[in-house]
Amino acid sequence: MNIRGLGYIGVGAADPAACLAFCRDVLGLMPARIVPGESWMMPASGGCGIAADGSAYVKLDDWQWRIAIHPSAGRGGLLYIGLEVASELALEQALAELRAAGHSAELGDESQAHARAVSGIGYASDPAGNKIELFYGPTLDRKFHSPHGMQFETGDMGLGHVNLLVDKLKDCQDFYIRVLGFRLTDYIRFGDNMSANFYHCNPRHHSIGLMRVGPIDGLHHLMLQVSHSDQVGQCLERAEAAGALITSTLGRHANDRMLSFYMRSPLGFEIEIGCEAIRVGDDWTPREFIEGDIWGHKGLTPEAIQAAAAGTTN
């Protein structure tokens, strides 16, 4: 299977409108000009990014949307991950490969694809229970304009990356590598049966991270990459001014060389904003690294990640 990249994510939140305001005012994203399923000729949302069911959609590049925030009465968090394939035929083959490997997979219909603003869609789940949506043909409406001048690095690298906390690490590794075709970039071990593992499917250092810090499943963070260190610093200032909890100070990772910081968000998981990450190619070979950061990133520890996932603080 050939996954082209992380295309979009869907999350649940008690107040999608408030989350959209955070995405706009702190992260520098933009409300979707048209929400999925609307008519281009007469959009009812009027460019506010809020759909009739209360869901909020945000964009950060030429794609119609990249992050969907759906009303949720619970704690919220990750609802689905959209992974892009090349074509209708590639989607059909991917679903067949999933079934052959013993995983449930089904093809969606035209209305389901339209509801995600894509040309075709299929559904599966990983061993941790994360809903996977395979799709092709996203709608492009261009005209992205950040209210804070943010420029996001997407293109051939996809949306960014998601780091997933998983209990059944080996099962998830087999699913993403042996079934979906992701390739191991590097990994770090920090305890008995505890590690962080990073996987790529395009030039981005990793689009999927699988981390085990205990019997926990969930999304730890979403990373969005910007084009310049000034944009990282400016976002950090906006986050601090808005009262967002900075869960990891500014620092540079040892493996992907990302200069970044992490913040708690109202979406139910952390957001990493970074820049200057390395790109990987077909000649990349997997490796283990033993120190997570060159400098900074104070607060980013397995214990803090475990506490955050459990809804507690140190």
C-alpha atoms as a PDB file:
ATOM      1  CA  MET A   1       0.000   0.000   0.000  1.00  0.00           C
ATOM      2  CA  ASN A   2       1.215   3.499  -0.773  1.00  0.00           C
ATOM      3  CA  ILE A   3      -0.053   6.215   1.557  1.00  0.00           C
ATOM      4  CA  ARG A   4       0.773   9.668   0.204  1.00  0.00           C
ATOM      5  CA  GLY A   5       0.423  11.540   3.486  1.00  0.00           C
ATOM      6  CA  LEU A   6      -1.652  12.620   6.430  1.00  0.00           C
ATOM      7  CA  GLY A   7      -4.509  14.504   4.814  1.00  0.00           C
ATOM      8  CA  TYR A   8      -6.808  15.607   7.619  1.00  0.00           C
ATOM      9  CA  ILE A   9      -7.985  14.811  11.121  1.00  0.00           C
ATOM     10  CA  GLY A  10     -11.357  14.977  12.835  1.00  0.00           C
ATOM     11  CA  VAL A  11     -11.705  15.644  16.551  1.00  0.00           C
ATOM     12  CA  GLY A  12     -14.525  16.015  19.045  1.00  0.00           C
ATOM     13  CA  ALA A  13     -14.973  18.963  21.399  1.00  0.00           C
ATOM     14  CA  ALA A  14     -17.677  20.381  23.630  1.00  0.00           C
ATOM     15  CA  ASP A  15     -17.434  23.819  21.982  1.00  0.00           C
ATOM     16  CA  PRO A  16     -16.237  23.639  18.349  1.00  0.00           C
ATOM     17  CA  ALA A  17     -16.698  27.391  17.863  1.00  0.00           C
ATOM     18  CA  ALA A  18     -14.332  28.135  20.750  1.00  0.00           C
ATOM     19  CA  CYS A  19     -11.827  25.655  19.323  1.00  0.00           C
ATOM     20  CA  LEU A  20     -12.056  27.360  15.939  1.00  0.00           C
ATOM     21  CA  ALA A  21     -11.323  30.698  17.643  1.00  0.00           C
ATOM     22  CA  PHE A  22      -8.225  29.131  19.260  1.00  0.00           C
ATOM     23  CA  CYS A  23      -7.103  27.783  15.882  1.00  0.00           C
ATOM     24  CA  ARG A  24      -7.556  31.211  14.302  1.00  0.00           C
ATOM     25  CA  ASP A  25      -6.338  33.543  17.037  1.00  0.00           C
ATOM     26  CA  VAL A  26      -3.476  31.473  18.482  1.00  0.00           C
ATOM     27  CA  LEU A  27      -2.398  29.055  15.751  1.00  0.00           C
ATOM     28  CA  GLY A  28      -3.035  31.427  12.848  1.00  0.00           C
ATOM     29  CA  LEU A  29      -5.300  29.061  10.912  1.00  0.00           C
ATOM     30  CA  MET A  30      -8.310  30.168   8.863  1.00  0.00           C
ATOM     31  CA  PRO A  31     -11.977  29.142   9.026  1.00  0.00           C
ATOM     32  CA  ALA A  32     -12.895  27.047   6.000  1.00  0.00           C
ATOM     33  CA  ARG A  33     -14.342  29.234   3.247  1.00  0.00           C
ATOM     34  CA  ILE A  34     -16.803  26.456   2.425  1.00  0.00           C
ATOM     35  CA  VAL A  35     -17.625  23.588   4.766  1.00  0.00           C
ATOM     36  CA  PRO A  36     -17.839  20.018   3.365  1.00  0.00           C
ATOM     37  CA  GLY A  37     -21.171  19.180   1.778  1.00  0.00           C
ATOM     38  CA  GLU A  38     -22.113  22.782   0.960  1.00  0.00           C
ATOM     39  CA  SER A  39     -22.917  24.094  -2.476  1.00  0.00           C
ATOM     40  CA  TRP A  40     -20.175  26.273  -3.902  1.00  0.00           C
ATOM     41  CA  MET A  41     -22.805  28.517  -5.444  1.00  0.00           C
ATOM     42  CA  MET A  42     -24.756  29.266  -2.250  1.00  0.00           C
ATOM     43  CA  PRO A  43     -22.778  28.289   0.886  1.00  0.00           C
ATOM     44  CA  ALA A  44     -24.933  28.561   3.970  1.00  0.00           C
ATOM     45  CA  SER A  45     -21.922  28.953   6.263  1.00  0.00           C
ATOM     46  CA  GLY A  46     -20.904  32.202   4.606  1.00  0.00           C
ATOM     47  CA  GLY A  47     -17.214  31.613   5.202  1.00  0.00           C
ATOM     48  CA  CYS A  48     -17.479  31.320   9.006  1.00  0.00           C
ATOM     49  CA  GLY A  49     -16.265  27.716   9.021  1.00  0.00           C
ATOM     50  CA  ILE A  50     -19.251  26.468  11.073  1.00  0.00           C
ATOM     51  CA  ALA A  51     -21.530  23.824   9.551  1.00  0.00           C
ATOM     52  CA  ALA A  52     -25.236  23.405  10.236  1.00  0.00           C
ATOM     53  CA  ASP A  53     -24.570  20.595  12.733  1.00  0.00           C
ATOM     54  CA  GLY A  54     -22.206  22.804  14.749  1.00  0.00           C
ATOM     55  CA  SER A  55     -18.997  21.271  13.402  1.00  0.00           C
ATOM     56  CA  ALA A  56     -16.137  23.683  12.751  1.00  0.00           C
ATOM     57  CA  TYR A  57     -13.671  23.332   9.854  1.00  0.00           C
ATOM     58  CA  VAL A  58     -10.307  25.054   9.512  1.00  0.00           C
ATOM     59  CA  LYS A  59      -7.821  25.313   6.666  1.00  0.00           C
ATOM     60  CA  LEU A  60      -4.107  26.058   6.567  1.00  0.00           C
ATOM     61  CA  ASP A  61      -3.195  25.730   2.894  1.00  0.00           C
ATOM     62  CA  ASP A  62      -4.809  25.181  -0.514  1.00  0.00           C
ATOM     63  CA  TRP A  63      -7.030  22.362   0.742  1.00  0.00           C
ATOM     64  CA  GLN A  64     -10.653  23.175   1.513  1.00  0.00           C
ATOM     65  CA  TRP A  65     -10.098  22.028   5.100  1.00  0.00           C
ATOM     66  CA  ARG A  66      -7.562  20.125   7.188  1.00  0.00           C
ATOM     67  CA  ILE A  67      -9.006  19.945  10.727  1.00  0.00           C
ATOM     68  CA  ALA A  68     -12.640  19.210  11.569  1.00  0.00           C
ATOM     69  CA  ILE A  69     -13.988  19.787  15.076  1.00  0.00           C
ATOM     70  CA  HIS A  70     -17.283  18.031  15.773  1.00  0.00           C
ATOM     71  CA  PRO A  71     -19.618  18.614  18.745  1.00  0.00           C
ATOM     72  CA  SER A  72     -18.960  16.074  21.483  1.00  0.00           C
ATOM     73  CA  ALA A  73     -20.488  15.764  24.939  1.00  0.00           C
ATOM     74  CA  GLY A  74     -17.528  13.732  26.224  1.00  0.00           C
ATOM     75  CA  ARG A  75     -13.879  14.592  26.720  1.00  0.00           C
ATOM     76  CA  GLY A  76     -13.366  14.892  22.981  1.00  0.00           C
ATOM     77  CA  GLY A  77     -10.102  14.165  21.244  1.00  0.00           C
ATOM     78  CA  LEU A  78      -9.337  12.252  18.072  1.00  0.00           C
ATOM     79  CA  LEU A  79     -12.274  10.889  16.059  1.00  0.00           C
ATOM     80  CA  TYR A  80     -10.633   9.957  12.757  1.00  0.00           C
ATOM     81  CA  ILE A  81      -7.433  10.218  10.745  1.00  0.00           C
ATOM     82  CA  GLY A  82      -7.575  10.852   6.985  1.00  0.00           C
ATOM     83  CA  LEU A  83      -4.782   9.219   4.965  1.00  0.00           C
ATOM     84  CA  GLU A  84      -4.453  10.051   1.273  1.00  0.00           C
ATOM     85  CA  VAL A  85      -3.981   7.557  -1.551  1.00  0.00           C
ATOM     86  CA  ALA A  86      -3.404   8.371  -5.195  1.00  0.00           C
ATOM     87  CA  SER A  87      -6.601   7.362  -6.996  1.00  0.00           C
ATOM     88  CA  GLU A  88      -9.839   5.408  -7.096  1.00  0.00           C
ATOM     89  CA  LEU A  89      -7.940   2.273  -8.067  1.00  0.00           C
ATOM     90  CA  ALA A  90      -5.420   2.819  -5.257  1.00  0.00           C
ATOM     91  CA  LEU A  91      -8.285   3.127  -2.771  1.00  0.00           C
ATOM     92  CA  GLU A  92      -9.903  -0.103  -3.960  1.00  0.00           C
ATOM     93  CA  GLN A  93      -6.549  -1.911  -3.765  1.00  0.00           C
ATOM     94  CA  ALA A  94      -5.855  -0.517  -0.297  1.00  0.00           C
ATOM     95  CA  LEU A  95      -9.189  -1.754   1.038  1.00  0.00           C
ATOM     96  CA  ALA A  96      -8.559  -5.171  -0.515  1.00  0.00           C
ATOM     97  CA  GLU A  97      -5.147  -5.333   1.148  1.00  0.00           C
ATOM     98  CA  LEU A  98      -6.678  -4.459   4.503  1.00  0.00           C
ATOM     99  CA  ARG A  99      -9.248  -7.244   4.179  1.00  0.00           C
ATOM    100  CA  ALA A 100      -6.583  -9.726   3.067  1.00  0.00           C
ATOM    101  CA  ALA A 101      -4.603  -8.875   6.204  1.00  0.00           C
ATOM    102  CA  GLY A 102      -7.628  -9.637   8.379  1.00  0.00           C
ATOM    103  CA  HIS A 103      -8.826  -6.084   9.007  1.00  0.00           C
ATOM    104  CA  SER A 104     -12.346  -4.795   8.470  1.00  0.00           C
ATOM    105  CA  ALA A 105     -12.505  -2.297   5.606  1.00  0.00           C
ATOM    106  CA  GLU A 106     -15.394  -0.847   3.642  1.00  0.00           C
ATOM    107  CA  LEU A 107     -15.835   1.527   0.742  1.00  0.00           C
ATOM    108  CA  GLY A 108     -17.818   4.677   1.397  1.00  0.00           C
ATOM    109  CA  ASP A 109     -20.448   6.073  -0.943  1.00  0.00           C
ATOM    110  CA  GLU A 110     -20.554   9.356  -2.829  1.00  0.00           C
ATOM    111  CA  SER A 111     -22.422  11.221  -0.083  1.00  0.00           C
ATOM    112  CA  GLN A 112     -19.876  10.129   2.527  1.00  0.00           C
ATOM    113  CA  ALA A 113     -17.033  11.298   0.314  1.00  0.00           C
ATOM    114  CA  HIS A 114     -18.813  14.616  -0.289  1.00  0.00           C
ATOM    115  CA  ALA A 115     -19.141  15.073   3.473  1.00  0.00           C
ATOM    116  CA  ARG A 116     -15.318  15.049   3.687  1.00  0.00           C
ATOM    117  CA  ALA A 117     -14.800  17.124   0.508  1.00  0.00           C
ATOM    118  CA  VAL A 118     -12.990  14.272  -1.247  1.00  0.00           C
ATOM    119  CA  SER A 119     -13.629  12.241  -4.400  1.00  0.00           C
ATOM    120  CA  GLY A 120     -13.702   8.804  -2.786  1.00  0.00           C
ATOM    121  CA  ILE A 121     -13.374   7.351   0.708  1.00  0.00           C
ATOM    122  CA  GLY A 122     -13.002   4.080   2.597  1.00  0.00           C
ATOM    123  CA  TYR A 123     -13.010   3.149   6.274  1.00  0.00           C
ATOM    124  CA  ALA A 124     -10.884   0.996   8.581  1.00  0.00           C
ATOM    125  CA  SER A 125      -9.492   1.042  12.139  1.00  0.00           C
ATOM    126  CA  ASP A 126      -6.046   0.470  13.600  1.00  0.00           C
ATOM    127  CA  PRO A 127      -5.484  -2.003  16.487  1.00  0.00           C
ATOM    128  CA  ALA A 128      -5.736   0.846  19.014  1.00  0.00           C
ATOM    129  CA  GLY A 129      -9.245   1.659  17.812  1.00  0.00           C
ATOM    130  CA  ASN A 130      -8.348   4.814  15.878  1.00  0.00           C
ATOM    131  CA  LYS A 131     -10.694   5.323  12.929  1.00  0.00           C
ATOM    132  CA  ILE A 132      -8.777   5.453   9.660  1.00  0.00           C
ATOM    133  CA  GLU A 133     -10.277   7.086   6.569  1.00  0.00           C
ATOM    134  CA  LEU A 134      -8.505   6.360   3.302  1.00  0.00           C
ATOM    135  CA  PHE A 135      -9.384   8.828   0.558  1.00  0.00           C
ATOM    136  CA  TYR A 136      -8.325  10.298  -2.766  1.00  0.00           C
ATOM    137  CA  GLY A 137      -9.037  13.531  -4.605  1.00  0.00           C
ATOM    138  CA  PRO A 138      -9.318  16.313  -1.987  1.00  0.00           C
ATOM    139  CA  THR A 139     -11.135  19.514  -2.915  1.00  0.00           C
ATOM    140  CA  LEU A 140      -8.806  22.493  -3.357  1.00  0.00           C
ATOM    141  CA  ASP A 141     -10.119  26.015  -2.926  1.00  0.00           C
ATOM    142  CA  ARG A 142      -6.779  27.792  -2.386  1.00  0.00           C
ATOM    143  CA  LYS A 143      -6.923  31.402  -1.083  1.00  0.00           C
ATOM    144  CA  PHE A 144      -5.576  30.551   2.373  1.00  0.00           C
ATOM    145  CA  HIS A 145      -4.821  33.677   4.352  1.00  0.00           C
ATOM    146  CA  SER A 146      -3.495  33.426   7.890  1.00  0.00           C
ATOM    147  CA  PRO A 147      -4.659  36.204  10.218  1.00  0.00           C
ATOM    148  CA  HIS A 148      -1.141  36.183  11.697  1.00  0.00           C
ATOM    149  CA  GLY A 149       0.985  35.644   8.598  1.00  0.00           C
ATOM    150  CA  MET A 150       1.662  31.966   9.321  1.00  0.00           C
ATOM    151  CA  GLN A 151       2.922  29.877   6.400  1.00  0.00           C
ATOM    152  CA  PHE A 152       2.454  26.142   6.878  1.00  0.00           C
ATOM    153  CA  GLU A 153       4.724  23.550   5.278  1.00  0.00           C
ATOM    154  CA  THR A 154       2.447  20.944   3.656  1.00  0.00           C
ATOM    155  CA  GLY A 155       2.660  20.124  -0.065  1.00  0.00           C
ATOM    156  CA  ASP A 156       4.360  16.768  -0.641  1.00  0.00           C
ATOM    157  CA  MET A 157       4.633  16.260   3.143  1.00  0.00           C
ATOM    158  CA  GLY A 158       0.930  16.316   3.997  1.00  0.00           C
ATOM    159  CA  LEU A 159      -0.769  18.069   6.903  1.00  0.00           C
ATOM    160  CA  GLY A 160       1.883  17.439   9.569  1.00  0.00           C
ATOM    161  CA  HIS A 161       2.197  14.571  12.009  1.00  0.00           C
ATOM    162  CA  VAL A 162       0.172  12.924  14.732  1.00  0.00           C
ATOM    163  CA  ASN A 163       1.762  11.132  17.675  1.00  0.00           C
ATOM    164  CA  LEU A 164      -0.500   8.352  18.897  1.00  0.00           C
ATOM    165  CA  LEU A 165      -0.346   6.782  22.352  1.00  0.00           C
ATOM    166  CA  VAL A 166      -0.984   3.050  21.986  1.00  0.00           C
ATOM    167  CA  ASP A 167      -1.027   0.118  24.387  1.00  0.00           C
ATOM    168  CA  LYS A 168      -0.797  -2.652  21.778  1.00  0.00           C
ATOM    169  CA  LEU A 169       2.411  -1.274  20.302  1.00  0.00           C
ATOM    170  CA  LYS A 170       3.510  -4.339  18.314  1.00  0.00           C
ATOM    171  CA  ASP A 171       0.064  -4.782  16.761  1.00  0.00           C
ATOM    172  CA  CYS A 172      -0.031  -1.115  15.775  1.00  0.00           C
ATOM    173  CA  GLN A 173       3.494  -1.255  14.358  1.00  0.00           C
ATOM    174  CA  ASP A 174       2.549  -4.238  12.217  1.00  0.00           C
ATOM    175  CA  PHE A 175      -0.596  -2.446  11.015  1.00  0.00           C
ATOM    176  CA  TYR A 176       1.131   0.774   9.987  1.00  0.00           C
ATOM    177  CA  ILE A 177       4.236  -0.898   8.519  1.00  0.00           C
ATOM    178  CA  ARG A 178       3.073  -4.213   7.085  1.00  0.00           C
ATOM    179  CA  VAL A 179      -0.422  -3.183   5.993  1.00  0.00           C
ATOM    180  CA  LEU A 180      -0.412   0.571   5.353  1.00  0.00           C
ATOM    181  CA  GLY A 181       3.198   0.649   4.138  1.00  0.00           C
ATOM    182  CA  PHE A 182       4.704   3.263   6.463  1.00  0.00           C
ATOM    183  CA  ARG A 183       8.478   3.057   6.942  1.00  0.00           C
ATOM    184  CA  LEU A 184      10.334   3.330  10.241  1.00  0.00           C
ATOM    185  CA  THR A 185      12.432   6.492  10.462  1.00  0.00           C
ATOM    186  CA  ASP A 186      13.841   6.183  13.980  1.00  0.00           C
ATOM    187  CA  TYR A 187      12.914   5.358  17.574  1.00  0.00           C
ATOM    188  CA  ILE A 188      13.869   5.909  21.203  1.00  0.00           C
ATOM    189  CA  ARG A 189      13.409   3.523  24.150  1.00  0.00           C
ATOM    190  CA  PHE A 190      12.809   4.847  27.654  1.00  0.00           C
ATOM    191  CA  GLY A 191      11.709   1.903  29.760  1.00  0.00           C
ATOM    192  CA  ASP A 192      10.446  -1.653  29.834  1.00  0.00           C
ATOM    193  CA  ASN A 193       8.166  -1.999  26.793  1.00  0.00           C
ATOM    194  CA  MET A 194       8.007   1.798  26.486  1.00  0.00           C
ATOM    195  CA  SER A 195       9.250   3.649  23.428  1.00  0.00           C
ATOM    196  CA  ALA A 196       8.495   6.320  20.850  1.00  0.00           C
ATOM    197  CA  ASN A 197       8.613   5.215  17.192  1.00  0.00           C
ATOM    198  CA  PHE A 198       8.398   7.451  14.141  1.00  0.00           C
ATOM    199  CA  TYR A 199       7.198   6.471  10.669  1.00  0.00           C
ATOM    200  CA  HIS A 200       7.278   8.232   7.304  1.00  0.00           C
ATOM    201  CA  CYS A 201       5.419   7.811   4.022  1.00  0.00           C
ATOM    202  CA  ASN A 202       6.783  10.873   2.199  1.00  0.00           C
ATOM    203  CA  PRO A 203       9.680  13.337   2.745  1.00  0.00           C
ATOM    204  CA  ARG A 204       8.356  14.436   6.151  1.00  0.00           C
ATOM    205  CA  HIS A 205      10.486  12.852   8.901  1.00  0.00           C
ATOM    206  CA  HIS A 206       7.353  11.267  10.315  1.00  0.00           C
ATOM    207  CA  SER A 207       3.641  11.520   9.638  1.00  0.00           C
ATOM    208  CA  ILE A 208       2.732   8.947  12.291  1.00  0.00           C
ATOM    209  CA  GLY A 209       4.306   8.462  15.697  1.00  0.00           C
ATOM    210  CA  LEU A 210       3.483   5.444  17.877  1.00  0.00           C
ATOM    211  CA  MET A 211       4.353   5.826  21.550  1.00  0.00           C
ATOM    212  CA  ARG A 212       3.814   3.451  24.442  1.00  0.00           C
ATOM    213  CA  VAL A 213       3.974   4.933  27.947  1.00  0.00           C
ATOM    214  CA  GLY A 214       1.595   2.431  29.518  1.00  0.00           C
ATOM    215  CA  PRO A 215      -1.880   0.968  28.940  1.00  0.00           C
ATOM    216  CA  ILE A 216      -3.155   4.163  27.295  1.00  0.00           C
ATOM    217  CA  ASP A 217      -4.640   4.834  23.850  1.00  0.00           C
ATOM    218  CA  GLY A 218      -5.174   8.322  22.462  1.00  0.00           C
ATOM    219  CA  LEU A 219      -3.675  11.243  20.570  1.00  0.00           C
ATOM    220  CA  HIS A 220      -0.835  13.003  22.353  1.00  0.00           C
ATOM    221  CA  HIS A 221      -0.218  15.786  19.845  1.00  0.00           C
ATOM    222  CA  LEU A 222      -0.640  17.166  16.361  1.00  0.00           C
ATOM    223  CA  MET A 223       2.377  18.900  14.816  1.00  0.00           C
ATOM    224  CA  LEU A 224       2.023  21.764  12.351  1.00  0.00           C
ATOM    225  CA  GLN A 225       5.199  22.959  10.641  1.00  0.00           C
ATOM    226  CA  VAL A 226       5.749  26.581   9.648  1.00  0.00           C
ATOM    227  CA  SER A 227       8.304  28.141   7.339  1.00  0.00           C
ATOM    228  CA  HIS A 228      10.332  30.306   9.717  1.00  0.00           C
ATOM    229  CA  SER A 229      11.486  30.411  13.330  1.00  0.00           C
ATOM    230  CA  ASP A 230       9.933  33.864  13.769  1.00  0.00           C
ATOM    231  CA  GLN A 231       6.512  32.313  13.173  1.00  0.00           C
ATOM    232  CA  VAL A 232       7.214  29.738  15.897  1.00  0.00           C
ATOM    233  CA  GLY A 233       8.194  32.488  18.328  1.00  0.00           C
ATOM    234  CA  GLN A 234       5.236  34.675  17.441  1.00  0.00           C
ATOM    235  CA  CYS A 235       2.842  31.762  17.952  1.00  0.00           C
ATOM    236  CA  LEU A 236       4.480  31.077  21.321  1.00  0.00           C
ATOM    237  CA  GLU A 237       3.852  34.683  22.338  1.00  0.00           C
ATOM    238  CA  ARG A 238       0.203  34.472  21.264  1.00  0.00           C
ATOM    239  CA  ALA A 239      -0.244  31.206  23.172  1.00  0.00           C
ATOM    240  CA  GLU A 240       1.205  32.712  26.341  1.00  0.00           C
ATOM    241  CA  ALA A 241      -0.917  35.856  25.966  1.00  0.00           C
ATOM    242  CA  ALA A 242      -4.031  33.690  25.567  1.00  0.00           C
ATOM    243  CA  GLY A 243      -3.225  31.773  28.746  1.00  0.00           C
ATOM    244  CA  ALA A 244      -2.527  28.463  27.000  1.00  0.00           C
ATOM    245  CA  LEU A 245      -0.449  26.059  29.077  1.00  0.00           C
ATOM    246  CA  ILE A 246       2.978  25.589  27.489  1.00  0.00           C
ATOM    247  CA  THR A 247       3.591  21.904  28.138  1.00  0.00           C
ATOM    248  CA  SER A 248       7.052  21.852  26.571  1.00  0.00           C
ATOM    249  CA  THR A 249       9.341  24.841  26.264  1.00  0.00           C
ATOM    250  CA  LEU A 250      10.998  25.912  23.036  1.00  0.00           C
ATOM    251  CA  GLY A 251      13.652  23.396  21.996  1.00  0.00           C
ATOM    252  CA  ARG A 252      15.137  21.338  19.188  1.00  0.00           C
ATOM    253  CA  HIS A 253      14.515  17.608  18.783  1.00  0.00           C
ATOM    254  CA  ALA A 254      17.517  15.353  18.223  1.00  0.00           C
ATOM    255  CA  ASN A 255      15.923  13.100  15.613  1.00  0.00           C
ATOM    256  CA  ASP A 256      14.027  15.340  13.163  1.00  0.00           C
ATOM    257  CA  ARG A 257      15.865  18.566  14.202  1.00  0.00           C
ATOM    258  CA  MET A 258      12.520  20.315  14.644  1.00  0.00           C
ATOM    259  CA  LEU A 259      12.665  23.651  16.476  1.00  0.00           C
ATOM    260  CA  SER A 260       9.350  23.729  18.326  1.00  0.00           C
ATOM    261  CA  PHE A 261       7.240  24.104  21.433  1.00  0.00           C
ATOM    262  CA  TYR A 262       4.121  22.297  22.667  1.00  0.00           C
ATOM    263  CA  MET A 263       0.936  23.745  24.126  1.00  0.00           C
ATOM    264  CA  ARG A 264      -2.257  22.333  25.578  1.00  0.00           C
ATOM    265  CA  SER A 265      -5.244  23.045  23.358  1.00  0.00           C
ATOM    266  CA  PRO A 266      -9.034  23.007  23.820  1.00  0.00           C
ATOM    267  CA  LEU A 267      -9.208  20.231  21.193  1.00  0.00           C
ATOM    268  CA  GLY A 268      -8.377  17.553  23.770  1.00  0.00           C
ATOM    269  CA  PHE A 269      -4.698  17.073  22.879  1.00  0.00           C
ATOM    270  CA  GLU A 270      -1.483  19.053  22.580  1.00  0.00           C
ATOM    271  CA  ILE A 271      -0.341  21.083  19.577  1.00  0.00           C
ATOM    272  CA  GLU A 272       3.298  21.292  18.493  1.00  0.00           C
ATOM    273  CA  ILE A 273       4.318  24.265  16.356  1.00  0.00           C
ATOM    274  CA  GLY A 274       7.739  23.910  14.753  1.00  0.00           C
ATOM    275  CA  CYS A 275      10.057  24.598  11.841  1.00  0.00           C
ATOM    276  CA  GLU A 276      13.328  23.516  10.194  1.00  0.00           C
ATOM    277  CA  ALA A 277      12.731  19.755  10.342  1.00  0.00           C
ATOM    278  CA  ILE A 278      14.853  17.564   8.093  1.00  0.00           C
ATOM    279  CA  ARG A 279      13.385  15.722   5.114  1.00  0.00           C
ATOM    280  CA  VAL A 280      13.981  12.023   4.473  1.00  0.00           C
ATOM    281  CA  GLY A 281      14.426  10.148   1.206  1.00  0.00           C
ATOM    282  CA  ASP A 282      14.262   6.623  -0.167  1.00  0.00           C
ATOM    283  CA  ASP A 283      17.845   6.016   0.994  1.00  0.00           C
ATOM    284  CA  TRP A 284      16.971   6.629   4.653  1.00  0.00           C
ATOM    285  CA  THR A 285      17.748   3.740   7.009  1.00  0.00           C
ATOM    286  CA  PRO A 286      16.087   3.314  10.437  1.00  0.00           C
ATOM    287  CA  ARG A 287      18.083   4.167  13.532  1.00  0.00           C
ATOM    288  CA  GLU A 288      17.783   4.356  17.299  1.00  0.00           C
ATOM    289  CA  PHE A 289      18.559   7.589  19.118  1.00  0.00           C
ATOM    290  CA  ILE A 290      19.198   7.859  22.841  1.00  0.00           C
ATOM    291  CA  GLU A 291      18.558  11.493  23.738  1.00  0.00           C
ATOM    292  CA  GLY A 292      15.343  13.130  22.680  1.00  0.00           C
ATOM    293  CA  ASP A 293      16.436  16.749  22.436  1.00  0.00           C
ATOM    294  CA  ILE A 294      19.532  18.766  21.603  1.00  0.00           C
ATOM    295  CA  TRP A 295      18.322  21.521  23.924  1.00  0.00           C
ATOM    296  CA  GLY A 296      15.109  22.794  25.504  1.00  0.00           C
ATOM    297  CA  HIS A 297      11.729  21.031  25.394  1.00  0.00           C
ATOM    298  CA  LYS A 298      11.587  21.066  29.170  1.00  0.00           C
ATOM    299  CA  GLY A 299       8.482  19.242  30.338  1.00  0.00           C
ATOM    300  CA  LEU A 300       8.423  16.727  27.483  1.00  0.00           C
ATOM    301  CA  THR A 301       8.942  13.522  29.475  1.00  0.00           C
ATOM    302  CA  PRO A 302       7.285  10.087  29.403  1.00  0.00           C
ATOM    303  CA  GLU A 303       5.796  10.834  32.828  1.00  0.00           C
ATOM    304  CA  ALA A 304       4.308  14.144  31.657  1.00  0.00           C
ATOM    305  CA  ILE A 305       2.926  12.507  28.522  1.00  0.00           C
ATOM    306  CA  GLN A 306       1.365   9.740  30.572  1.00  0.00           C
ATOM    307  CA  ALA A 307      -0.169  12.266  32.974  1.00  0.00           C
ATOM    308  CA  ALA A 308      -1.554  14.365  30.139  1.00  0.00           C
ATOM    309  CA  ALA A 309      -3.097  11.313  28.531  1.00  0.00           C
ATOM    310  CA  ALA A 310      -4.760  10.386  31.799  1.00  0.00           C
ATOM    311  CA  GLY A 311      -6.205  13.888  32.149  1.00  0.00           C
ATOM    312  CA  THR A 312      -3.972  14.870  35.051  1.00  0.00           C
ATOM    313  CA  THR A 313      -1.084  17.236  35.582  1.00  0.00           C
ATOM    314  CA  ASN A 314       2.172  16.831  37.436  1.00  0.00           C
END
